[in-house]
C-alpha atoms as a PDB file:
ATOM      1  CA  UNK A   1     167.816 115.471  62.032  1.00  0.00           C
ATOM      2  CA  UNK A   2     168.016 114.468  65.355  1.00  0.00           C
ATOM      3  CA  UNK A   3     166.009 117.069  66.721  1.00  0.00           C
ATOM      4  CA  UNK A   4     163.584 116.385  63.988  1.00  0.00           C
ATOM      5  CA  UNK A   5     163.270 112.698  64.992  1.00  0.00           C
ATOM      6  CA  UNK A   6     162.532 113.925  68.662  1.00  0.00           C
ATOM      7  CA  UNK A   7     160.025 116.130  67.313  1.00  0.00           C
ATOM      8  CA  UNK A   8     158.445 113.218  64.803  1.00  0.00           C
ATOM      9  CA  UNK A   9     158.398 110.531  67.668  1.00  0.00           C
ATOM     10  CA  UNK A  10     157.368 113.173  70.555  1.00  0.00           C
ATOM     11  CA  UNK A  11     154.337 114.278  68.172  1.00  0.00           C
ATOM     12  CA  UNK A  12     153.209 110.309  67.519  1.00  0.00           C
ATOM     13  CA  UNK A  13     152.990 109.675  71.180  1.00  0.00           C
ATOM     14  CA  UNK A  14     150.749 112.916  71.523  1.00  0.00           C
ATOM     15  CA  UNK A  15     149.032 111.789  69.329  1.00  0.00           C
ATOM     16  CA  UNK A  16     148.794 107.489  70.806  1.00  0.00           C
ATOM     17  CA  UNK A  17     148.008 109.259  73.927  1.00  0.00           C
ATOM     18  CA  UNK A  18     145.466 111.236  72.341  1.00  0.00           C
ATOM     19  CA  UNK A  19     144.212 108.117  70.559  1.00  0.00           C
ATOM     20  CA  UNK A  20     143.979 106.102  73.842  1.00  0.00           C
ATOM     21  CA  UNK A  21     142.213 109.200  75.720  1.00  0.00           C
ATOM     22  CA  UNK A  22     139.393 109.153  73.068  1.00  0.00           C
ATOM     23  CA  UNK A  23     138.928 105.205  73.313  1.00  0.00           C
ATOM     24  CA  UNK A  24     138.747 105.317  77.271  1.00  0.00           C
ATOM     25  CA  UNK A  25     136.419 108.385  76.845  1.00  0.00           C
ATOM     26  CA  UNK A  26     134.430 106.344  74.829  1.00  0.00           C
ATOM     27  CA  UNK A  27     134.601 103.323  77.371  1.00  0.00           C
ATOM     28  CA  UNK A  28     133.305 105.561  80.341  1.00  0.00           C
ATOM     29  CA  UNK A  29     130.544 106.986  78.113  1.00  0.00           C
ATOM     30  CA  UNK A  30     128.553 103.050  78.249  1.00  0.00           C
ATOM     31  CA  UNK A  31     128.564 102.763  81.791  1.00  0.00           C
ATOM     32  CA  UNK A  32     127.166  98.871  82.495  1.00  0.00           C
ATOM     33  CA  UNK A  33     123.590  98.788  82.826  1.00  0.00           C
ATOM     34  CA  UNK A  34     122.644  98.211  86.226  1.00  0.00           C
ATOM     35  CA  UNK A  35     120.488  94.977  87.117  1.00  0.00           C
ATOM     36  CA  UNK A  36     116.957  96.275  88.473  1.00  0.00           C
ATOM     37  CA  UNK A  37     117.506  94.045  91.763  1.00  0.00           C
ATOM     38  CA  UNK A  38     113.139  93.314  92.168  1.00  0.00           C
ATOM     39  CA  UNK A  39     112.705  92.987  88.153  1.00  0.00           C
ATOM     40  CA  UNK A  40     110.215  90.270  88.587  1.00  0.00           C
ATOM     41  CA  UNK A  41     112.346  87.385  86.434  1.00  0.00           C
ATOM     42  CA  UNK A  42     110.455  85.667  83.069  1.00  0.00           C
ATOM     43  CA  UNK A  43     111.304  82.417  83.910  1.00  0.00           C
ATOM     44  CA  UNK A  44     110.526  79.269  85.438  1.00  0.00           C
ATOM     45  CA  UNK A  45     109.755  78.752  89.263  1.00  0.00           C
ATOM     46  CA  UNK A  46     113.237  77.903  90.021  1.00  0.00           C
ATOM     47  CA  UNK A  47     114.404  80.736  88.864  1.00  0.00           C
ATOM     48  CA  UNK A  48     110.930  82.437  90.804  1.00  0.00           C
ATOM     49  CA  UNK A  49     111.750  80.886  93.746  1.00  0.00           C
ATOM     50  CA  UNK A  50     115.505  81.447  93.703  1.00  0.00           C
ATOM     51  CA  UNK A  51     114.600  85.514  93.207  1.00  0.00           C
ATOM     52  CA  UNK A  52     111.901  85.182  96.202  1.00  0.00           C
ATOM     53  CA  UNK A  53     115.359  84.445  98.108  1.00  0.00           C
ATOM     54  CA  UNK A  54     117.401  86.201  97.378  1.00  0.00           C
ATOM     55  CA  UNK A  55     114.938  89.361  97.648  1.00  0.00           C
ATOM     56  CA  UNK A  56     113.792  87.872 100.978  1.00  0.00           C
ATOM     57  CA  UNK A  57     117.237  88.129 102.444  1.00  0.00           C
ATOM     58  CA  UNK A  58     118.474  91.196 100.919  1.00  0.00           C
ATOM     59  CA  UNK A  59     120.248  93.002 103.323  1.00  0.00           C
ATOM     60  CA  UNK A  60     120.659  97.102 102.442  1.00  0.00           C
ATOM     61  CA  UNK A  61     123.963  98.459 103.402  1.00  0.00           C
ATOM     62  CA  UNK A  62     122.497 102.570 102.430  1.00  0.00           C
ATOM     63  CA  UNK A  63     119.778 105.068 103.336  1.00  0.00           C
ATOM     64  CA  UNK A  64     119.272 104.929  99.310  1.00  0.00           C
ATOM     65  CA  UNK A  65     119.088 100.595  99.302  1.00  0.00           C
ATOM     66  CA  UNK A  66     116.442 100.577 102.482  1.00  0.00           C
ATOM     67  CA  UNK A  67     114.273 102.776 101.561  1.00  0.00           C
ATOM     68  CA  UNK A  68     114.459 101.472  98.042  1.00  0.00           C
ATOM     69  CA  UNK A  69     114.006  97.673  99.641  1.00  0.00           C
ATOM     70  CA  UNK A  70     110.897  99.008 102.076  1.00  0.00           C
ATOM     71  CA  UNK A  71     109.474 100.166  98.387  1.00  0.00           C
ATOM     72  CA  UNK A  72     109.776  97.717  95.713  1.00  0.00           C
ATOM     73  CA  UNK A  73     110.370  94.507  97.168  1.00  0.00           C
ATOM     74  CA  UNK A  74     106.412  94.395  98.577  1.00  0.00           C
ATOM     75  CA  UNK A  75     105.321  94.057  95.299  1.00  0.00           C
ATOM     76  CA  UNK A  76     107.697  92.071  94.040  1.00  0.00           C
ATOM     77  CA  UNK A  77     107.563  89.326  96.113  1.00  0.00           C
ATOM     78  CA  UNK A  78     104.018  89.658  95.584  1.00  0.00           C
ATOM     79  CA  UNK A  79     104.221  89.245  91.639  1.00  0.00           C
ATOM     80  CA  UNK A  80     107.097  86.151  91.777  1.00  0.00           C
ATOM     81  CA  UNK A  81     104.456  84.720  94.264  1.00  0.00           C
ATOM     82  CA  UNK A  82     101.462  84.779  92.207  1.00  0.00           C
ATOM     83  CA  UNK A  83     103.496  83.556  89.355  1.00  0.00           C
ATOM     84  CA  UNK A  84     104.511  80.585  90.903  1.00  0.00           C
ATOM     85  CA  UNK A  85     101.215  79.855  92.167  1.00  0.00           C
ATOM     86  CA  UNK A  86      99.768  79.935  88.482  1.00  0.00           C
ATOM     87  CA  UNK A  87     102.436  77.069  87.360  1.00  0.00           C
ATOM     88  CA  UNK A  88     103.314  75.085  90.396  1.00  0.00           C
ATOM     89  CA  UNK A  89     100.105  73.055  91.313  1.00  0.00           C
ATOM     90  CA  UNK A  90     102.512  70.562  93.839  1.00  0.00           C
ATOM     91  CA  UNK A  91     101.088  72.148  97.125  1.00  0.00           C
ATOM     92  CA  UNK A  92     103.726  70.705  98.583  1.00  0.00           C
ATOM     93  CA  UNK A  93     107.086  71.922  97.198  1.00  0.00           C
ATOM     94  CA  UNK A  94     109.104  74.445  98.364  1.00  0.00           C
ATOM     95  CA  UNK A  95     108.617  77.228  95.717  1.00  0.00           C
ATOM     96  CA  UNK A  96     104.912  76.824  96.212  1.00  0.00           C
ATOM     97  CA  UNK A  97     104.968  77.031  99.931  1.00  0.00           C
ATOM     98  CA  UNK A  98     107.639  79.592  99.714  1.00  0.00           C
ATOM     99  CA  UNK A  99     105.344  81.751  97.527  1.00  0.00           C
ATOM    100  CA  UNK A 100     102.006  80.823  99.797  1.00  0.00           C
ATOM    101  CA  UNK A 101     103.494  82.077 102.892  1.00  0.00           C
ATOM    102  CA  UNK A 102     104.981  85.567 101.207  1.00  0.00           C
ATOM    103  CA  UNK A 103     101.422  86.154 100.065  1.00  0.00           C
ATOM    104  CA  UNK A 104     100.005  85.368 103.987  1.00  0.00           C
ATOM    105  CA  UNK A 105     102.660  87.622 104.950  1.00  0.00           C
ATOM    106  CA  UNK A 106     101.546  90.711 103.051  1.00  0.00           C
ATOM    107  CA  UNK A 107      97.746  89.898 104.120  1.00  0.00           C
ATOM    108  CA  UNK A 108      98.820  89.686 107.807  1.00  0.00           C
ATOM    109  CA  UNK A 109     100.810  93.184 106.948  1.00  0.00           C
ATOM    110  CA  UNK A 110      97.348  94.665 107.239  1.00  0.00           C
ATOM    111  CA  UNK A 111      95.982  92.930 109.967  1.00  0.00           C
ATOM    112  CA  UNK A 112      96.100  95.827 112.628  1.00  0.00           C
ATOM    113  CA  UNK A 113      93.210  98.482 110.138  1.00  0.00           C
ATOM    114  CA  UNK A 114      91.200  95.756 109.199  1.00  0.00           C
ATOM    115  CA  UNK A 115      87.817  95.382 111.052  1.00  0.00           C
ATOM    116  CA  UNK A 116      87.630  92.583 114.102  1.00  0.00           C
ATOM    117  CA  UNK A 117      85.926  90.316 111.493  1.00  0.00           C
ATOM    118  CA  UNK A 118      89.159  90.190 109.371  1.00  0.00           C
ATOM    119  CA  UNK A 119      91.512  89.962 111.829  1.00  0.00           C
ATOM    120  CA  UNK A 120      89.492  87.057 113.036  1.00  0.00           C
ATOM    121  CA  UNK A 121      89.630  85.143 109.921  1.00  0.00           C
ATOM    122  CA  UNK A 122      93.185  86.325 108.977  1.00  0.00           C
ATOM    123  CA  UNK A 123      94.300  84.664 112.759  1.00  0.00           C
ATOM    124  CA  UNK A 124      92.500  81.951 111.529  1.00  0.00           C
ATOM    125  CA  UNK A 125      94.041  81.636 108.482  1.00  0.00           C
ATOM    126  CA  UNK A 126      97.515  81.857 110.061  1.00  0.00           C
ATOM    127  CA  UNK A 127      97.376  79.435 112.813  1.00  0.00           C
ATOM    128  CA  UNK A 128      95.764  76.655 109.805  1.00  0.00           C
ATOM    129  CA  UNK A 129      98.892  77.249 107.695  1.00  0.00           C
ATOM    130  CA  UNK A 130     101.054  76.911 110.356  1.00  0.00           C
ATOM    131  CA  UNK A 131      99.765  73.479 111.495  1.00  0.00           C
ATOM    132  CA  UNK A 132     100.736  72.081 108.198  1.00  0.00           C
ATOM    133  CA  UNK A 133     103.788  73.289 107.707  1.00  0.00           C
ATOM    134  CA  UNK A 134     107.037  73.425 109.466  1.00  0.00           C
ATOM    135  CA  UNK A 135     107.673  76.223 111.691  1.00  0.00           C
ATOM    136  CA  UNK A 136     110.917  78.542 111.708  1.00  0.00           C
ATOM    137  CA  UNK A 137     111.982  82.140 112.738  1.00  0.00           C
ATOM    138  CA  UNK A 138     110.069  83.551 109.820  1.00  0.00           C
ATOM    139  CA  UNK A 139     106.931  81.684 110.969  1.00  0.00           C
ATOM    140  CA  UNK A 140     107.694  83.020 114.178  1.00  0.00           C
ATOM    141  CA  UNK A 141     108.707  86.618 113.321  1.00  0.00           C
ATOM    142  CA  UNK A 142     105.075  86.852 111.455  1.00  0.00           C
ATOM    143  CA  UNK A 143     103.165  85.266 114.300  1.00  0.00           C
ATOM    144  CA  UNK A 144     104.894  88.205 116.662  1.00  0.00           C
ATOM    145  CA  UNK A 145     104.258  90.774 114.986  1.00  0.00           C
ATOM    146  CA  UNK A 146     100.540  89.678 114.230  1.00  0.00           C
ATOM    147  CA  UNK A 147     100.036  89.676 117.744  1.00  0.00           C
ATOM    148  CA  UNK A 148     101.822  92.550 118.467  1.00  0.00           C
ATOM    149  CA  UNK A 149     100.015  94.270 115.715  1.00  0.00           C
ATOM    150  CA  UNK A 150      96.440  93.334 117.151  1.00  0.00           C
ATOM    151  CA  UNK A 151      97.620  94.168 120.615  1.00  0.00           C
ATOM    152  CA  UNK A 152      99.203  98.096 119.759  1.00  0.00           C
ATOM    153  CA  UNK A 153      96.511  98.901 117.578  1.00  0.00           C
ATOM    154  CA  UNK A 154      93.832  97.958 120.097  1.00  0.00           C
ATOM    155  CA  UNK A 155      92.501  94.478 119.377  1.00  0.00           C
ATOM    156  CA  UNK A 156      93.371  93.144 122.992  1.00  0.00           C
ATOM    157  CA  UNK A 157      91.441  90.397 123.487  1.00  0.00           C
ATOM    158  CA  UNK A 158      92.189  88.993 119.648  1.00  0.00           C
ATOM    159  CA  UNK A 159      95.801  89.214 120.603  1.00  0.00           C
ATOM    160  CA  UNK A 160      95.805  87.358 123.828  1.00  0.00           C
ATOM    161  CA  UNK A 161      94.269  84.569 121.440  1.00  0.00           C
ATOM    162  CA  UNK A 162      97.223  84.986 118.937  1.00  0.00           C
ATOM    163  CA  UNK A 163      99.512  84.665 121.451  1.00  0.00           C
ATOM    164  CA  UNK A 164      98.212  81.356 122.879  1.00  0.00           C
ATOM    165  CA  UNK A 165      97.640  80.066 119.182  1.00  0.00           C
ATOM    166  CA  UNK A 166     100.945  80.382 118.475  1.00  0.00           C
ATOM    167  CA  UNK A 167     102.791  79.616 120.862  1.00  0.00           C
ATOM    168  CA  UNK A 168     100.515  76.272 121.484  1.00  0.00           C
ATOM    169  CA  UNK A 169     101.666  75.991 117.251  1.00  0.00           C
ATOM    170  CA  UNK A 170     105.413  76.396 118.472  1.00  0.00           C
ATOM    171  CA  UNK A 171     105.282  74.003 121.207  1.00  0.00           C
ATOM    172  CA  UNK A 172     104.325  71.702 119.376  1.00  0.00           C
ATOM    173  CA  UNK A 173     106.696  72.224 116.786  1.00  0.00           C
ATOM    174  CA  UNK A 174     110.601  70.363 115.401  1.00  0.00           C
ATOM    175  CA  UNK A 175     112.568  73.691 116.804  1.00  0.00           C
ATOM    176  CA  UNK A 176     110.228  74.385 120.476  1.00  0.00           C
ATOM    177  CA  UNK A 177     114.204  74.235 122.036  1.00  0.00           C
END
């Protein structure tokens, strides 16, 4: 009787272990859905602004993340910025300013390959934008990128104008220290 009772208990334990294993296999088959970091939210201006800030400040920790960011971030930022500008009419709001800056950076990224008259117009647009906003590190980064690209890709005279114009803008900024 003891042997039969022990066998019955062992059999029940094995069945319980088998059902636990089956349950854990079911859980393992349905991993949580991974959120697409670059999916533009369909919410309002506040949600879009938070998205822009998140993508703009994201720092990849792996090569794959870096490559994905380089590939997907520009389009996602542009789409979010355009969505903000479609709904936010207050040009002085943080959201409008951030969206306008995202689009300005996108246009400025192609300055080296633009025709000379387009380069000059884009430089003027950036300098005008800088005249109407507080300048900080993001603007400095954009300014240096523009001036260096002009210099590097054969527009030395315009690069000098860029350095001079940006220098004057930053000397008059609050963070000129």
